[in-house]
Amino acid sequence: MSEEKPRSLVVVRTDVSRVEVYLSPQQTKDLDVRLARIEGHIRAVRRMLAEHEDCNTLLIQLAAVRSALNQVIVKLLEGHIDSCVMECVTTPEGKASLASLKKALKVVLRHS
């Protein structure tokens, strides 16, 4: 019986001695910075809630958090497309199609 190896979005352990990283160090750093900023923003919103800030202010701040999280999703998807999906596409038509997909994902997530 074969045991399934744990898998994450950023790192996949393929065996005990080898780890493959699919995001570049710069992409990983960028995502971490964005997530840390969101984390701080969430703490500020919790503090505002505890201090009984008005609902309009809270809603505006939560919309900003959602927008920032959408940008993290966009960046992660772009990294995935650039590193994993792009390897599977070798024709110029495939690359143009992926560029179009990245653009559409940005629009869709911006409006979600």
Protein backbone atom coordinates (compact mmCIF):
# COMPACT_ATOMS: atom_id res chain seq x y z
CA MET A 1 0.00 0.00 0.00
CA SER A 2 1.49 3.31 -1.10
CA GLU A 3 1.28 6.28 1.22
CA GLU A 4 0.23 9.61 -0.33
CA LYS A 5 2.79 12.37 0.18
CA PRO A 6 1.59 15.65 1.79
CA ARG A 7 1.17 18.49 -0.71
CA SER A 8 0.97 22.23 -0.29
CA LEU A 9 0.51 25.11 -2.72
CA VAL A 10 4.12 26.21 -2.63
CA VAL A 11 6.28 23.19 -1.85
CA VAL A 12 5.85 19.58 -2.81
CA ARG A 13 7.96 16.94 -1.11
CA THR A 14 8.64 14.36 -3.79
CA ASP A 15 10.88 12.15 -1.64
CA VAL A 16 12.86 12.39 1.55
CA SER A 17 15.97 13.91 -0.05
CA ARG A 18 14.45 16.27 -2.63
CA VAL A 19 12.05 19.22 -2.32
CA GLU A 20 10.76 21.03 -5.40
CA VAL A 21 9.76 24.66 -5.02
CA TYR A 22 7.44 25.96 -7.70
CA LEU A 23 7.49 29.66 -6.77
CA SER A 24 10.60 31.78 -7.13
CA PRO A 25 12.18 33.21 -3.98
CA GLN A 26 10.96 36.68 -5.04
CA GLN A 27 7.39 35.42 -5.54
CA THR A 28 7.48 33.70 -2.14
CA LYS A 29 8.81 36.87 -0.48
CA ASP A 30 6.17 39.02 -2.20
CA LEU A 31 3.36 36.72 -1.06
CA ASP A 32 4.72 36.64 2.49
CA VAL A 33 4.93 40.46 2.64
CA ARG A 34 1.38 40.78 1.34
CA LEU A 35 0.06 38.22 3.84
CA ALA A 36 1.86 39.93 6.73
CA ARG A 37 0.26 43.23 5.72
CA ILE A 38 -3.17 41.56 5.62
CA GLU A 39 -2.52 40.01 9.02
CA GLY A 40 -1.76 43.44 10.47
CA HIS A 41 -4.83 44.90 8.82
CA ILE A 42 -7.02 42.14 10.32
CA ARG A 43 -5.59 42.87 13.79
CA ALA A 44 -6.45 46.55 13.28
CA VAL A 45 -10.02 45.65 12.24
CA ARG A 46 -10.42 43.43 15.33
CA ARG A 47 -9.19 46.30 17.49
CA MET A 48 -11.66 48.66 15.78
CA LEU A 49 -14.46 46.17 16.47
CA ALA A 50 -13.49 45.95 20.15
CA GLU A 51 -13.46 49.75 20.32
CA HIS A 52 -16.98 49.85 18.82
CA GLU A 53 -16.08 51.68 15.61
CA ASP A 54 -19.05 52.36 13.38
CA CYS A 55 -20.16 49.66 10.92
CA ASN A 56 -19.41 51.75 7.84
CA THR A 57 -15.77 52.09 8.84
CA LEU A 58 -15.52 48.37 9.59
CA LEU A 59 -17.09 47.46 6.26
CA ILE A 60 -14.68 49.71 4.37
CA GLN A 61 -11.71 48.16 6.16
CA LEU A 62 -12.97 44.63 5.52
CA ALA A 63 -13.44 45.44 1.84
CA ALA A 64 -9.80 46.57 1.77
CA VAL A 65 -8.76 43.27 3.38
CA ARG A 66 -10.77 41.30 0.81
CA SER A 67 -9.16 43.27 -2.01
CA ALA A 68 -5.68 42.64 -0.62
CA LEU A 69 -6.44 38.93 -0.27
CA ASN A 70 -7.69 38.83 -3.87
CA GLN A 71 -4.33 40.29 -4.93
CA VAL A 72 -2.53 37.50 -3.05
CA ILE A 73 -4.68 34.98 -4.91
CA VAL A 74 -3.86 36.66 -8.24
CA LYS A 75 -0.13 36.64 -7.50
CA LEU A 76 -0.21 33.00 -6.41
CA LEU A 77 -2.14 32.01 -9.54
CA GLU A 78 0.31 33.96 -11.70
CA GLY A 79 3.21 32.17 -10.04
CA HIS A 80 1.52 28.83 -10.58
CA ILE A 81 0.84 29.62 -14.22
CA ASP A 82 4.38 30.88 -14.81
CA SER A 83 6.12 27.97 -13.13
CA CYS A 84 3.88 24.91 -13.41
CA VAL A 85 1.41 25.47 -16.20
CA MET A 86 3.85 27.22 -18.53
CA GLU A 87 6.06 24.14 -18.55
CA CYS A 88 3.16 22.23 -20.07
CA VAL A 89 2.64 24.79 -22.83
CA THR A 90 5.34 24.97 -25.45
CA THR A 91 3.64 26.56 -28.44
CA PRO A 92 3.32 30.34 -28.99
CA GLU A 93 -0.48 29.94 -29.14
CA GLY A 94 -0.43 28.25 -25.74
CA LYS A 95 1.59 31.07 -24.20
CA ALA A 96 -0.78 33.70 -25.62
CA SER A 97 -3.72 31.73 -24.30
CA LEU A 98 -2.18 31.61 -20.82
CA ALA A 99 -1.51 35.36 -20.89
CA SER A 100 -5.17 35.89 -21.73
CA LEU A 101 -6.18 33.60 -18.85
CA LYS A 102 -4.01 35.56 -16.40
CA LYS A 103 -5.63 38.81 -17.53
CA ALA A 104 -9.14 37.37 -17.15
CA LEU A 105 -8.36 36.02 -13.68
CA LYS A 106 -7.24 39.47 -12.56
CA VAL A 107 -10.51 40.99 -13.75
CA VAL A 108 -12.67 38.24 -12.22
CA LEU A 109 -10.95 38.38 -8.84
CA ARG A 110 -10.98 42.17 -8.78
CA HIS A 111 -14.76 42.08 -9.02
CA SER A 112 -15.40 39.25 -6.56
